[in-house]
PDB file of N, CA and C in Angstrom:
ATOM      1  N   MET A   1      15.773  10.010   7.680  1.00  0.00           N
ATOM      2  CA  MET A   1      14.555  10.160   6.667  1.00  0.00           C
ATOM      3  C   MET A   1      14.090  11.707   7.014  1.00  0.00           C
ATOM      4  N   SER A   2      13.939  12.414   6.106  1.00  0.00           N
ATOM      5  CA  SER A   2      13.465  13.879   6.046  1.00  0.00           C
ATOM      6  C   SER A   2      11.953  13.810   6.461  1.00  0.00           C
ATOM      7  N   SER A   3      11.347  15.009   6.895  1.00  0.00           N
ATOM      8  CA  SER A   3       9.873  14.969   7.256  1.00  0.00           C
ATOM      9  C   SER A   3       9.253  14.929   5.884  1.00  0.00           C
ATOM     10  N   LEU A   4       9.769  15.450   4.809  1.00  0.00           N
ATOM     11  CA  LEU A   4       9.092  15.215   3.438  1.00  0.00           C
ATOM     12  C   LEU A   4       8.963  13.815   3.179  1.00  0.00           C
ATOM     13  N   GLU A   5      10.081  13.013   3.339  1.00  0.00           N
ATOM     14  CA  GLU A   5      10.280  11.573   2.903  1.00  0.00           C
ATOM     15  C   GLU A   5       8.985  10.902   3.972  1.00  0.00           C
ATOM     16  N   ARG A   6       9.032  11.179   5.059  1.00  0.00           N
ATOM     17  CA  ARG A   6       8.063  10.514   5.979  1.00  0.00           C
ATOM     18  C   ARG A   6       6.651  10.778   5.647  1.00  0.00           C
ATOM     19  N   GLU A   7       6.386  12.229   5.387  1.00  0.00           N
ATOM     20  CA  GLU A   7       5.012  12.501   4.660  1.00  0.00           C
ATOM     21  C   GLU A   7       4.568  11.803   3.581  1.00  0.00           C
ATOM     22  N   LEU A   8       5.539  11.850   2.614  1.00  0.00           N
ATOM     23  CA  LEU A   8       5.261  11.106   1.253  1.00  0.00           C
ATOM     24  C   LEU A   8       4.972   9.738   1.427  1.00  0.00           C
ATOM     25  N   LYS A   9       5.690   8.992   2.305  1.00  0.00           N
ATOM     26  CA  LYS A   9       5.445   7.563   2.614  1.00  0.00           C
ATOM     27  C   LYS A   9       4.264   7.277   3.315  1.00  0.00           C
ATOM     28  N   ARG A  10       3.882   8.157   4.371  1.00  0.00           N
ATOM     29  CA  ARG A  10       2.582   8.122   4.849  1.00  0.00           C
ATOM     30  C   ARG A  10       1.423   8.080   4.016  1.00  0.00           C
ATOM     31  N   GLY A  11       1.546   9.282   3.202  1.00  0.00           N
ATOM     32  CA  GLY A  11       0.477   9.596   2.176  1.00  0.00           C
ATOM     33  C   GLY A  11       0.316   8.351   1.172  1.00  0.00           C
ATOM     34  N   SER A  12       1.411   7.740   0.692  1.00  0.00           N
ATOM     35  CA  SER A  12       1.446   6.838  -0.127  1.00  0.00           C
ATOM     36  C   SER A  12       1.040   5.381   0.278  1.00  0.00           C
ATOM     37  N   ALA A  13       1.160   5.161   1.586  1.00  0.00           N
ATOM     38  CA  ALA A  13       0.886   3.767   2.048  1.00  0.00           C
ATOM     39  C   ALA A  13      -0.517   3.177   1.673  1.00  0.00           C
ATOM     40  N   GLU A  14      -1.443   3.765   1.833  1.00  0.00           N
ATOM     41  CA  GLU A  14      -2.789   3.419   1.497  1.00  0.00           C
ATOM     42  C   GLU A  14      -2.873   2.954  -0.087  1.00  0.00           C
ATOM     43  N   VAL A  15      -2.410   3.738  -0.785  1.00  0.00           N
ATOM     44  CA  VAL A  15      -2.499   3.437  -2.311  1.00  0.00           C
ATOM     45  C   VAL A  15      -1.603   2.208  -2.624  1.00  0.00           C
ATOM     46  N   LEU A  16      -0.566   2.235  -2.091  1.00  0.00           N
ATOM     47  CA  LEU A  16       0.413   1.048  -2.257  1.00  0.00           C
ATOM     48  C   LEU A  16      -0.132  -0.208  -1.925  1.00  0.00           C
ATOM     49  N   ILE A  17      -0.726  -0.265  -0.589  1.00  0.00           N
ATOM     50  CA  ILE A  17      -1.286  -1.308  -0.024  1.00  0.00           C
ATOM     51  C   ILE A  17      -2.549  -2.004  -0.934  1.00  0.00           C
ATOM     52  N   LEU A  18      -3.450  -1.032  -1.360  1.00  0.00           N
ATOM     53  CA  LEU A  18      -4.554  -1.285  -2.115  1.00  0.00           C
ATOM     54  C   LEU A  18      -4.142  -1.827  -3.424  1.00  0.00           C
ATOM     55  N   ALA A  19      -3.182  -1.129  -3.974  1.00  0.00           N
ATOM     56  CA  ALA A  19      -2.680  -1.589  -5.306  1.00  0.00           C
ATOM     57  C   ALA A  19      -2.167  -3.040  -5.333  1.00  0.00           C
ATOM     58  N   LEU A  20      -1.444  -3.443  -4.370  1.00  0.00           N
ATOM     59  CA  LEU A  20      -0.856  -4.755  -4.308  1.00  0.00           C
ATOM     60  C   LEU A  20      -2.069  -5.777  -3.908  1.00  0.00           C
ATOM     61  N   LEU A  21      -3.028  -5.385  -3.206  1.00  0.00           N
ATOM     62  CA  LEU A  21      -4.180  -6.207  -2.882  1.00  0.00           C
ATOM     63  C   LEU A  21      -5.051  -6.326  -4.235  1.00  0.00           C
ATOM     64  N   ASP A  22      -4.998  -5.258  -4.903  1.00  0.00           N
ATOM     65  CA  ASP A  22      -5.867  -5.499  -6.384  1.00  0.00           C
ATOM     66  C   ASP A  22      -5.429  -6.590  -7.154  1.00  0.00           C
ATOM     67  N   GLU A  23      -4.228  -6.877  -7.098  1.00  0.00           N
ATOM     68  CA  GLU A  23      -3.608  -8.078  -7.866  1.00  0.00           C
ATOM     69  C   GLU A  23      -3.951  -9.293  -7.204  1.00  0.00           C
ATOM     70  N   ARG A  24      -3.951  -9.414  -5.961  1.00  0.00           N
ATOM     71  CA  ARG A  24      -4.361 -10.856  -5.297  1.00  0.00           C
ATOM     72  C   ARG A  24      -4.157 -10.678  -3.798  1.00  0.00           C
ATOM     73  N   PRO A  25      -4.913 -11.613  -3.174  1.00  0.00           N
ATOM     74  CA  PRO A  25      -4.818 -11.453  -1.601  1.00  0.00           C
ATOM     75  C   PRO A  25      -3.317 -11.591  -1.226  1.00  0.00           C
ATOM     76  N   ARG A  26      -3.093 -10.896  -0.027  1.00  0.00           N
ATOM     77  CA  ARG A  26      -1.624 -11.020   0.571  1.00  0.00           C
ATOM     78  C   ARG A  26      -1.595 -10.924   1.852  1.00  0.00           C
ATOM     79  N   HIS A  27      -0.704 -11.522   2.634  1.00  0.00           N
ATOM     80  CA  HIS A  27      -0.549 -11.193   4.072  1.00  0.00           C
ATOM     81  C   HIS A  27       0.365 -10.108   4.218  1.00  0.00           C
ATOM     82  N   GLY A  28       0.240  -9.485   5.536  1.00  0.00           N
ATOM     83  CA  GLY A  28       1.057  -8.296   5.797  1.00  0.00           C
ATOM     84  C   GLY A  28       2.637  -8.281   5.569  1.00  0.00           C
ATOM     85  N   TYR A  29       3.290  -9.313   6.005  1.00  0.00           N
ATOM     86  CA  TYR A  29       4.572  -9.404   5.730  1.00  0.00           C
ATOM     87  C   TYR A  29       5.005  -9.483   4.164  1.00  0.00           C
ATOM     88  N   GLU A  30       4.181 -10.134   3.517  1.00  0.00           N
ATOM     89  CA  GLU A  30       4.409 -10.040   1.919  1.00  0.00           C
ATOM     90  C   GLU A  30       4.099  -8.686   1.340  1.00  0.00           C
ATOM     91  N   ILE A  31       3.111  -8.036   1.946  1.00  0.00           N
ATOM     92  CA  ILE A  31       2.865  -6.622   1.329  1.00  0.00           C
ATOM     93  C   ILE A  31       4.136  -5.828   1.448  1.00  0.00           C
ATOM     94  N   GLY A  32       4.651  -5.755   2.787  1.00  0.00           N
ATOM     95  CA  GLY A  32       5.808  -5.114   3.155  1.00  0.00           C
ATOM     96  C   GLY A  32       7.038  -5.459   2.175  1.00  0.00           C
ATOM     97  N   ARG A  33       7.190  -6.661   1.874  1.00  0.00           N
ATOM     98  CA  ARG A  33       8.293  -7.260   1.265  1.00  0.00           C
ATOM     99  C   ARG A  33       8.143  -6.907  -0.152  1.00  0.00           C
ATOM    100  N   VAL A  34       7.037  -6.894  -0.807  1.00  0.00           N
ATOM    101  CA  VAL A  34       6.764  -6.555  -2.222  1.00  0.00           C
ATOM    102  C   VAL A  34       7.125  -5.035  -2.522  1.00  0.00           C
ATOM    103  N   ILE A  35       6.557  -4.267  -1.515  1.00  0.00           N
ATOM    104  CA  ILE A  35       6.694  -2.851  -1.645  1.00  0.00           C
ATOM    105  C   ILE A  35       8.229  -2.508  -1.641  1.00  0.00           C
ATOM    106  N   GLY A  36       9.051  -3.002  -0.607  1.00  0.00           N
ATOM    107  CA  GLY A  36      10.393  -3.021  -0.760  1.00  0.00           C
ATOM    108  C   GLY A  36      11.166  -3.141  -2.012  1.00  0.00           C
ATOM    109  N   GLU A  37      10.854  -4.651  -2.456  1.00  0.00           N
ATOM    110  CA  GLU A  37      11.297  -5.188  -3.739  1.00  0.00           C
ATOM    111  C   GLU A  37      10.951  -4.164  -4.886  1.00  0.00           C
ATOM    112  N   ARG A  38       9.870  -3.845  -5.041  1.00  0.00           N
ATOM    113  CA  ARG A  38       9.409  -3.146  -6.266  1.00  0.00           C
ATOM    114  C   ARG A  38       9.921  -1.760  -6.317  1.00  0.00           C
ATOM    115  N   SER A  39      10.104  -1.346  -5.254  1.00  0.00           N
ATOM    116  CA  SER A  39      10.681   0.190  -4.959  1.00  0.00           C
ATOM    117  C   SER A  39      12.113   0.182  -4.978  1.00  0.00           C
ATOM    118  N   GLY A  40      12.766  -0.844  -5.156  1.00  0.00           N
ATOM    119  CA  GLY A  40      14.171  -0.891  -5.038  1.00  0.00           C
ATOM    120  C   GLY A  40      14.759  -0.638  -3.714  1.00  0.00           C
ATOM    121  N   GLY A  41      13.893  -0.806  -2.650  1.00  0.00           N
ATOM    122  CA  GLY A  41      14.404  -0.429  -1.278  1.00  0.00           C
ATOM    123  C   GLY A  41      14.168   0.947  -0.947  1.00  0.00           C
ATOM    124  N   ALA A  42      13.629   1.860  -1.911  1.00  0.00           N
ATOM    125  CA  ALA A  42      13.509   3.207  -1.668  1.00  0.00           C
ATOM    126  C   ALA A  42      12.226   3.469  -0.604  1.00  0.00           C
ATOM    127  N   ILE A  43      11.231   2.470  -0.752  1.00  0.00           N
ATOM    128  CA  ILE A  43      10.129   2.531   0.232  1.00  0.00           C
ATOM    129  C   ILE A  43      10.127   1.189   0.971  1.00  0.00           C
ATOM    130  N   THR A  44      10.055   1.392   2.343  1.00  0.00           N
ATOM    131  CA  THR A  44       9.973   0.284   3.227  1.00  0.00           C
ATOM    132  C   THR A  44       8.962   0.551   4.375  1.00  0.00           C
ATOM    133  N   PHE A  45       8.300  -0.630   4.746  1.00  0.00           N
ATOM    134  CA  PHE A  45       7.373  -0.385   5.859  1.00  0.00           C
ATOM    135  C   PHE A  45       7.726  -1.489   6.941  1.00  0.00           C
ATOM    136  N   HIS A  46       7.824  -0.909   8.180  1.00  0.00           N
ATOM    137  CA  HIS A  46       8.031  -1.859   9.288  1.00  0.00           C
ATOM    138  C   HIS A  46       6.885  -2.310   9.787  1.00  0.00           C
ATOM    139  N   VAL A  47       6.865  -3.513  10.595  1.00  0.00           N
ATOM    140  CA  VAL A  47       5.630  -4.018  10.943  1.00  0.00           C
ATOM    141  C   VAL A  47       4.845  -3.014  11.805  1.00  0.00           C
ATOM    142  N   ALA A  48       5.677  -2.161  12.609  1.00  0.00           N
ATOM    143  CA  ALA A  48       4.994  -1.189  13.484  1.00  0.00           C
ATOM    144  C   ALA A  48       4.061  -0.186  12.737  1.00  0.00           C
ATOM    145  N   SER A  49       4.306   0.007  11.563  1.00  0.00           N
ATOM    146  CA  SER A  49       3.593   1.134  10.813  1.00  0.00           C
ATOM    147  C   SER A  49       2.652   0.401   9.747  1.00  0.00           C
ATOM    148  N   LEU A  50       3.026  -0.838   9.311  1.00  0.00           N
ATOM    149  CA  LEU A  50       2.226  -1.410   8.207  1.00  0.00           C
ATOM    150  C   LEU A  50       1.016  -2.019   8.849  1.00  0.00           C
ATOM    151  N   TYR A  51       1.035  -2.762   9.884  1.00  0.00           N
ATOM    152  CA  TYR A  51      -0.266  -3.426  10.450  1.00  0.00           C
ATOM    153  C   TYR A  51      -1.218  -2.540  10.777  1.00  0.00           C
ATOM    154  N   PRO A  52      -0.896  -1.390  11.669  1.00  0.00           N
ATOM    155  CA  PRO A  52      -1.820  -0.382  11.885  1.00  0.00           C
ATOM    156  C   PRO A  52      -2.568   0.121  10.777  1.00  0.00           C
ATOM    157  N   THR A  53      -1.892   0.378   9.629  1.00  0.00           N
ATOM    158  CA  THR A  53      -2.582   0.768   8.473  1.00  0.00           C
ATOM    159  C   THR A  53      -3.516  -0.250   7.803  1.00  0.00           C
ATOM    160  N   LEU A  54      -3.011  -1.515   7.721  1.00  0.00           N
ATOM    161  CA  LEU A  54      -4.065  -2.585   7.335  1.00  0.00           C
ATOM    162  C   LEU A  54      -5.107  -2.524   8.195  1.00  0.00           C
ATOM    163  N   TYR A  55      -5.017  -2.569   9.522  1.00  0.00           N
ATOM    164  CA  TYR A  55      -6.197  -2.506  10.473  1.00  0.00           C
ATOM    165  C   TYR A  55      -7.121  -1.430  10.089  1.00  0.00           C
ATOM    166  N   ARG A  56      -6.670  -0.122   9.923  1.00  0.00           N
ATOM    167  CA  ARG A  56      -7.533   1.056   9.675  1.00  0.00           C
ATOM    168  C   ARG A  56      -8.210   0.802   8.330  1.00  0.00           C
ATOM    169  N   LEU A  57      -7.645   0.276   7.426  1.00  0.00           N
ATOM    170  CA  LEU A  57      -8.247  -0.050   6.036  1.00  0.00           C
ATOM    171  C   LEU A  57      -9.263  -1.015   6.033  1.00  0.00           C
ATOM    172  N   GLU A  58      -8.920  -2.031   6.957  1.00  0.00           N
ATOM    173  CA  GLU A  58     -10.086  -2.944   7.152  1.00  0.00           C
ATOM    174  C   GLU A  58     -11.324  -2.406   7.948  1.00  0.00           C
ATOM    175  N   ASP A  59     -11.070  -1.518   8.923  1.00  0.00           N
ATOM    176  CA  ASP A  59     -11.983  -0.807   9.618  1.00  0.00           C
ATOM    177  C   ASP A  59     -12.890   0.031   8.736  1.00  0.00           C
ATOM    178  N   LYS A  60     -12.226   0.755   7.632  1.00  0.00           N
ATOM    179  CA  LYS A  60     -12.877   1.440   6.712  1.00  0.00           C
ATOM    180  C   LYS A  60     -13.572   0.570   5.691  1.00  0.00           C
ATOM    181  N   GLY A  61     -13.614  -0.595   5.591  1.00  0.00           N
ATOM    182  CA  GLY A  61     -14.409  -1.418   4.774  1.00  0.00           C
ATOM    183  C   GLY A  61     -13.520  -1.560   3.485  1.00  0.00           C
ATOM    184  N   LEU A  62     -12.307  -1.056   3.280  1.00  0.00           N
ATOM    185  CA  LEU A  62     -11.588  -1.042   2.048  1.00  0.00           C
ATOM    186  C   LEU A  62     -10.894  -2.339   1.716  1.00  0.00           C
ATOM    187  N   LEU A  63     -10.810  -3.379   2.719  1.00  0.00           N
ATOM    188  CA  LEU A  63     -10.284  -4.592   2.606  1.00  0.00           C
ATOM    189  C   LEU A  63     -10.757  -5.529   3.622  1.00  0.00           C
ATOM    190  N   GLU A  64     -10.729  -6.732   3.482  1.00  0.00           N
ATOM    191  CA  GLU A  64     -11.220  -7.779   4.354  1.00  0.00           C
ATOM    192  C   GLU A  64      -9.966  -8.815   4.597  1.00  0.00           C
ATOM    193  N   GLY A  65      -9.761  -9.186   5.935  1.00  0.00           N
ATOM    194  CA  GLY A  65      -8.810  -9.874   6.481  1.00  0.00           C
ATOM    195  C   GLY A  65      -9.351 -11.208   6.932  1.00  0.00           C
ATOM    196  N   ARG A  66      -8.703 -12.416   6.676  1.00  0.00           N
ATOM    197  CA  ARG A  66      -9.148 -13.637   7.074  1.00  0.00           C
ATOM    198  C   ARG A  66      -7.730 -14.480   7.553  1.00  0.00           C
ATOM    199  N   TRP A  67      -8.070 -15.278   8.591  1.00  0.00           N
ATOM    200  CA  TRP A  67      -6.775 -15.962   9.194  1.00  0.00           C
ATOM    201  C   TRP A  67      -6.771 -17.202   8.359  1.00  0.00           C
ATOM    202  N   VAL A  68      -5.536 -17.713   7.822  1.00  0.00           N
ATOM    203  CA  VAL A  68      -5.294 -19.017   7.006  1.00  0.00           C
ATOM    204  C   VAL A  68      -4.305 -19.668   7.799  1.00  0.00           C
ATOM    205  N   GLU A  69      -4.566 -20.937   7.991  1.00  0.00           N
ATOM    206  CA  GLU A  69      -3.487 -21.770   8.749  1.00  0.00           C
ATOM    207  C   GLU A  69      -3.000 -22.831   7.559  1.00  0.00           C
ATOM    208  N   LYS A  70      -1.750 -22.984   7.475  1.00  0.00           N
ATOM    209  CA  LYS A  70      -1.231 -24.088   6.463  1.00  0.00           C
ATOM    210  C   LYS A  70      -0.240 -24.908   7.227  1.00  0.00           C
ATOM    211  N   SER A  71      -0.354 -25.949   6.913  1.00  0.00           N
ATOM    212  CA  SER A  71       0.443 -26.976   7.551  1.00  0.00           C
ATOM    213  C   SER A  71       1.898 -26.828   7.441  1.00  0.00           C
ATOM    214  N   GLY A  72       2.634 -26.764   8.566  1.00  0.00           N
ATOM    215  CA  GLY A  72       3.833 -26.497   8.786  1.00  0.00           C
ATOM    216  C   GLY A  72       4.282 -24.825   8.868  1.00  0.00           C
ATOM    217  N   GLN A  73       3.192 -24.101   8.700  1.00  0.00           N
ATOM    218  CA  GLN A  73       3.438 -22.552   8.671  1.00  0.00           C
ATOM    219  C   GLN A  73       2.655 -21.980   9.856  1.00  0.00           C
ATOM    220  N   ARG A  74       3.156 -20.937  10.371  1.00  0.00           N
ATOM    221  CA  ARG A  74       2.290 -20.158  11.329  1.00  0.00           C
ATOM    222  C   ARG A  74       0.949 -19.362  10.747  1.00  0.00           C
ATOM    223  N   ARG A  75       0.045 -19.382  11.470  1.00  0.00           N
ATOM    224  CA  ARG A  75      -1.174 -18.583  10.911  1.00  0.00           C
ATOM    225  C   ARG A  75      -0.958 -17.327  10.461  1.00  0.00           C
ATOM    226  N   ARG A  76      -1.505 -16.933   9.331  1.00  0.00           N
ATOM    227  CA  ARG A  76      -1.400 -15.653   8.647  1.00  0.00           C
ATOM    228  C   ARG A  76      -2.583 -15.017   8.351  1.00  0.00           C
ATOM    229  N   ARG A  77      -2.735 -13.680   8.416  1.00  0.00           N
ATOM    230  CA  ARG A  77      -3.892 -13.120   8.053  1.00  0.00           C
ATOM    231  C   ARG A  77      -3.779 -12.519   6.669  1.00  0.00           C
ATOM    232  N   TYR A  78      -4.617 -13.054   5.679  1.00  0.00           N
ATOM    233  CA  TYR A  78      -4.494 -12.707   4.386  1.00  0.00           C
ATOM    234  C   TYR A  78      -5.693 -11.492   4.197  1.00  0.00           C
ATOM    235  N   TYR A  79      -5.150 -10.563   3.395  1.00  0.00           N
ATOM    236  CA  TYR A  79      -6.145  -9.472   3.137  1.00  0.00           C
ATOM    237  C   TYR A  79      -6.463  -9.492   1.588  1.00  0.00           C
ATOM    238  N   ARG A  80      -7.829  -9.129   1.373  1.00  0.00           N
ATOM    239  CA  ARG A  80      -8.206  -8.984  -0.097  1.00  0.00           C
ATOM    240  C   ARG A  80      -9.058  -7.536  -0.173  1.00  0.00           C
ATOM    241  N   LEU A  81      -8.877  -7.153  -1.309  1.00  0.00           N
ATOM    242  CA  LEU A  81      -9.712  -5.936  -1.483  1.00  0.00           C
ATOM    243  C   LEU A  81     -11.099  -6.021  -1.677  1.00  0.00           C
ATOM    244  N   THR A  82     -11.889  -5.165  -1.132  1.00  0.00           N
ATOM    245  CA  THR A  82     -13.310  -5.136  -1.254  1.00  0.00           C
ATOM    246  C   THR A  82     -13.823  -4.248  -2.375  1.00  0.00           C
ATOM    247  N   ALA A  83     -15.263  -4.302  -2.800  1.00  0.00           N
ATOM    248  CA  ALA A  83     -15.578  -3.520  -3.857  1.00  0.00           C
ATOM    249  C   ALA A  83     -15.372  -1.975  -3.527  1.00  0.00           C
ATOM    250  N   GLU A  84     -15.445  -1.550  -2.462  1.00  0.00           N
ATOM    251  CA  GLU A  84     -15.291  -0.127  -1.984  1.00  0.00           C
ATOM    252  C   GLU A  84     -13.749   0.221  -1.994  1.00  0.00           C
ATOM    253  N   GLY A  85     -13.022  -0.656  -1.638  1.00  0.00           N
ATOM    254  CA  GLY A  85     -11.574  -0.670  -1.779  1.00  0.00           C
ATOM    255  C   GLY A  85     -11.121  -0.441  -3.261  1.00  0.00           C
ATOM    256  N   ARG A  86     -11.725  -1.124  -4.163  1.00  0.00           N
ATOM    257  CA  ARG A  86     -11.433  -0.820  -5.535  1.00  0.00           C
ATOM    258  C   ARG A  86     -11.784   0.540  -6.023  1.00  0.00           C
ATOM    259  N   LYS A  87     -12.912   0.999  -5.647  1.00  0.00           N
ATOM    260  CA  LYS A  87     -13.414   2.463  -5.826  1.00  0.00           C
ATOM    261  C   LYS A  87     -12.273   3.444  -5.260  1.00  0.00           C
ATOM    262  N   VAL A  88     -11.986   3.238  -4.070  1.00  0.00           N
ATOM    263  CA  VAL A  88     -11.044   4.058  -3.312  1.00  0.00           C
ATOM    264  C   VAL A  88      -9.684   4.144  -4.220  1.00  0.00           C
ATOM    265  N   LEU A  89      -9.202   2.864  -4.464  1.00  0.00           N
ATOM    266  CA  LEU A  89      -7.926   2.680  -5.269  1.00  0.00           C
ATOM    267  C   LEU A  89      -8.002   3.681  -6.508  1.00  0.00           C
ATOM    268  N   ALA A  90      -9.104   3.385  -7.415  1.00  0.00           N
ATOM    269  CA  ALA A  90      -9.397   4.064  -8.612  1.00  0.00           C
ATOM    270  C   ALA A  90      -9.153   5.508  -8.464  1.00  0.00           C
ATOM    271  N   SER A  91      -9.930   6.150  -7.352  1.00  0.00           N
ATOM    272  CA  SER A  91      -9.765   7.520  -7.136  1.00  0.00           C
ATOM    273  C   SER A  91      -8.505   8.017  -6.746  1.00  0.00           C
ATOM    274  N   GLN A  92      -7.595   7.183  -5.887  1.00  0.00           N
ATOM    275  CA  GLN A  92      -6.333   7.484  -5.326  1.00  0.00           C
ATOM    276  C   GLN A  92      -5.387   7.512  -6.616  1.00  0.00           C
ATOM    277  N   ARG A  93      -5.597   6.510  -7.478  1.00  0.00           N
ATOM    278  CA  ARG A  93      -4.567   6.338  -8.609  1.00  0.00           C
ATOM    279  C   ARG A  93      -4.762   7.773  -9.383  1.00  0.00           C
ATOM    280  N   GLY A  94      -6.046   8.242  -9.580  1.00  0.00           N
ATOM    281  CA  GLY A  94      -6.280   9.324 -10.348  1.00  0.00           C
ATOM    282  C   GLY A  94      -5.442  10.646  -9.618  1.00  0.00           C
ATOM    283  N   ILE A  95      -5.696  10.664  -8.316  1.00  0.00           N
ATOM    284  CA  ILE A  95      -5.150  11.733  -7.557  1.00  0.00           C
ATOM    285  C   ILE A  95      -3.647  11.756  -7.554  1.00  0.00           C
ATOM    286  N   TRP A  96      -2.964  10.628  -7.503  1.00  0.00           N
ATOM    287  CA  TRP A  96      -1.534  10.534  -7.537  1.00  0.00           C
ATOM    288  C   TRP A  96      -1.150  10.841  -8.881  1.00  0.00           C
ATOM    289  N   GLN A  97      -1.699  10.399  -9.932  1.00  0.00           N
ATOM    290  CA  GLN A  97      -1.352  10.823 -11.416  1.00  0.00           C
ATOM    291  C   GLN A  97      -1.423  12.252 -11.606  1.00  0.00           C
ATOM    292  N   THR A  98      -2.388  12.684 -11.202  1.00  0.00           N
ATOM    293  CA  THR A  98      -2.506  14.451 -11.320  1.00  0.00           C
ATOM    294  C   THR A  98      -1.451  15.048 -10.604  1.00  0.00           C
ATOM    295  N   PHE A  99      -1.081  14.486  -9.234  1.00  0.00           N
ATOM    296  CA  PHE A  99      -0.172  15.078  -8.537  1.00  0.00           C
ATOM    297  C   PHE A  99       1.333  15.081  -9.160  1.00  0.00           C
ATOM    298  N   PHE A 100       1.655  13.723  -9.713  1.00  0.00           N
ATOM    299  CA  PHE A 100       2.902  13.726 -10.596  1.00  0.00           C
ATOM    300  C   PHE A 100       2.966  14.357 -11.542  1.00  0.00           C
ATOM    301  N   LEU A 101       1.952  14.464 -12.336  1.00  0.00           N
ATOM    302  CA  LEU A 101       1.973  15.345 -13.634  1.00  0.00           C
ATOM    303  C   LEU A 101       2.083  16.777 -13.252  1.00  0.00           C
ATOM    304  N   ALA A 102       1.556  17.254 -12.219  1.00  0.00           N
ATOM    305  CA  ALA A 102       1.784  18.678 -11.777  1.00  0.00           C
ATOM    306  C   ALA A 102       3.309  18.828 -11.148  1.00  0.00           C
ATOM    307  N   LEU A 103       3.794  18.014 -10.486  1.00  0.00           N
ATOM    308  CA  LEU A 103       5.222  18.040 -10.055  1.00  0.00           C
ATOM    309  C   LEU A 103       6.187  18.025 -11.282  1.00  0.00           C
ATOM    310  N   ASP A 104       5.738  17.261 -12.316  1.00  0.00           N
ATOM    311  CA  ASP A 104       6.810  17.379 -13.674  1.00  0.00           C
ATOM    312  C   ASP A 104       6.372  18.689 -14.357  1.00  0.00           C
ATOM    313  N   ARG A 105       5.489  19.174 -14.319  1.00  0.00           N
ATOM    314  CA  ARG A 105       5.131  20.558 -14.943  1.00  0.00           C
ATOM    315  C   ARG A 105       5.837  21.638 -14.292  1.00  0.00           C
ATOM    316  N   VAL A 106       5.865  21.686 -12.922  1.00  0.00           N
ATOM    317  CA  VAL A 106       6.501  22.680 -12.108  1.00  0.00           C
ATOM    318  C   VAL A 106       7.930  22.449 -11.893  1.00  0.00           C
ATOM    319  N   ALA A 107       8.336  21.360 -11.547  1.00  0.00           N
ATOM    320  CA  ALA A 107       9.626  20.898 -11.226  1.00  0.00           C
ATOM    321  C   ALA A 107      10.370  20.224 -12.304  1.00  0.00           C
ATOM    322  N   ARG A 108       9.894  20.015 -13.346  1.00  0.00           N
ATOM    323  CA  ARG A 108      10.638  19.376 -14.424  1.00  0.00           C
ATOM    324  C   ARG A 108      11.149  17.925 -13.832  1.00  0.00           C
ATOM    325  N   ILE A 109      10.320  17.273 -13.128  1.00  0.00           N
ATOM    326  CA  ILE A 109      10.873  15.797 -12.661  1.00  0.00           C
ATOM    327  C   ILE A 109      10.390  14.910 -13.577  1.00  0.00           C
ATOM    328  N   ARG A 110      11.397  14.298 -14.312  1.00  0.00           N
ATOM    329  CA  ARG A 110      11.176  13.313 -15.288  1.00  0.00           C
ATOM    330  C   ARG A 110      11.131  11.933 -14.760  1.00  0.00           C
ATOM    331  N   HIS A 111      10.186  11.030 -15.354  1.00  0.00           N
ATOM    332  CA  HIS A 111      10.286   9.761 -14.880  1.00  0.00           C
ATOM    333  C   HIS A 111      11.357   8.994 -15.440  1.00  0.00           C
ATOM    334  N   ALA A 112      11.869   8.057 -14.788  1.00  0.00           N
ATOM    335  CA  ALA A 112      13.172   7.293 -15.200  1.00  0.00           C
ATOM    336  C   ALA A 112      12.745   6.204 -16.293  1.00  0.00           C
TER     337      ALA A 112
END
């Protein structure tokens, strides 16, 4: 992975996580799995990088986590977006959209 790929991944992690939690509460493993599936495997997050990001977002008040125990399953921490998280997500979506439009204007990168 190139340094550009690493930086893009790091920079997009927050908006990807917040966007998935905007849909519904999810646990960390599911968040990572859905990102991988929806991106066709182009974006993957390993536990070592995903969970620290979740903890940081929780510390910032953008999401809330709670432990859930289901019969026959191990205990999982489910995260949900807070009102502040929704505000930040709306702002980040605007920033990313502006960035992608600018890339397209400069580099003629077209959406598939």
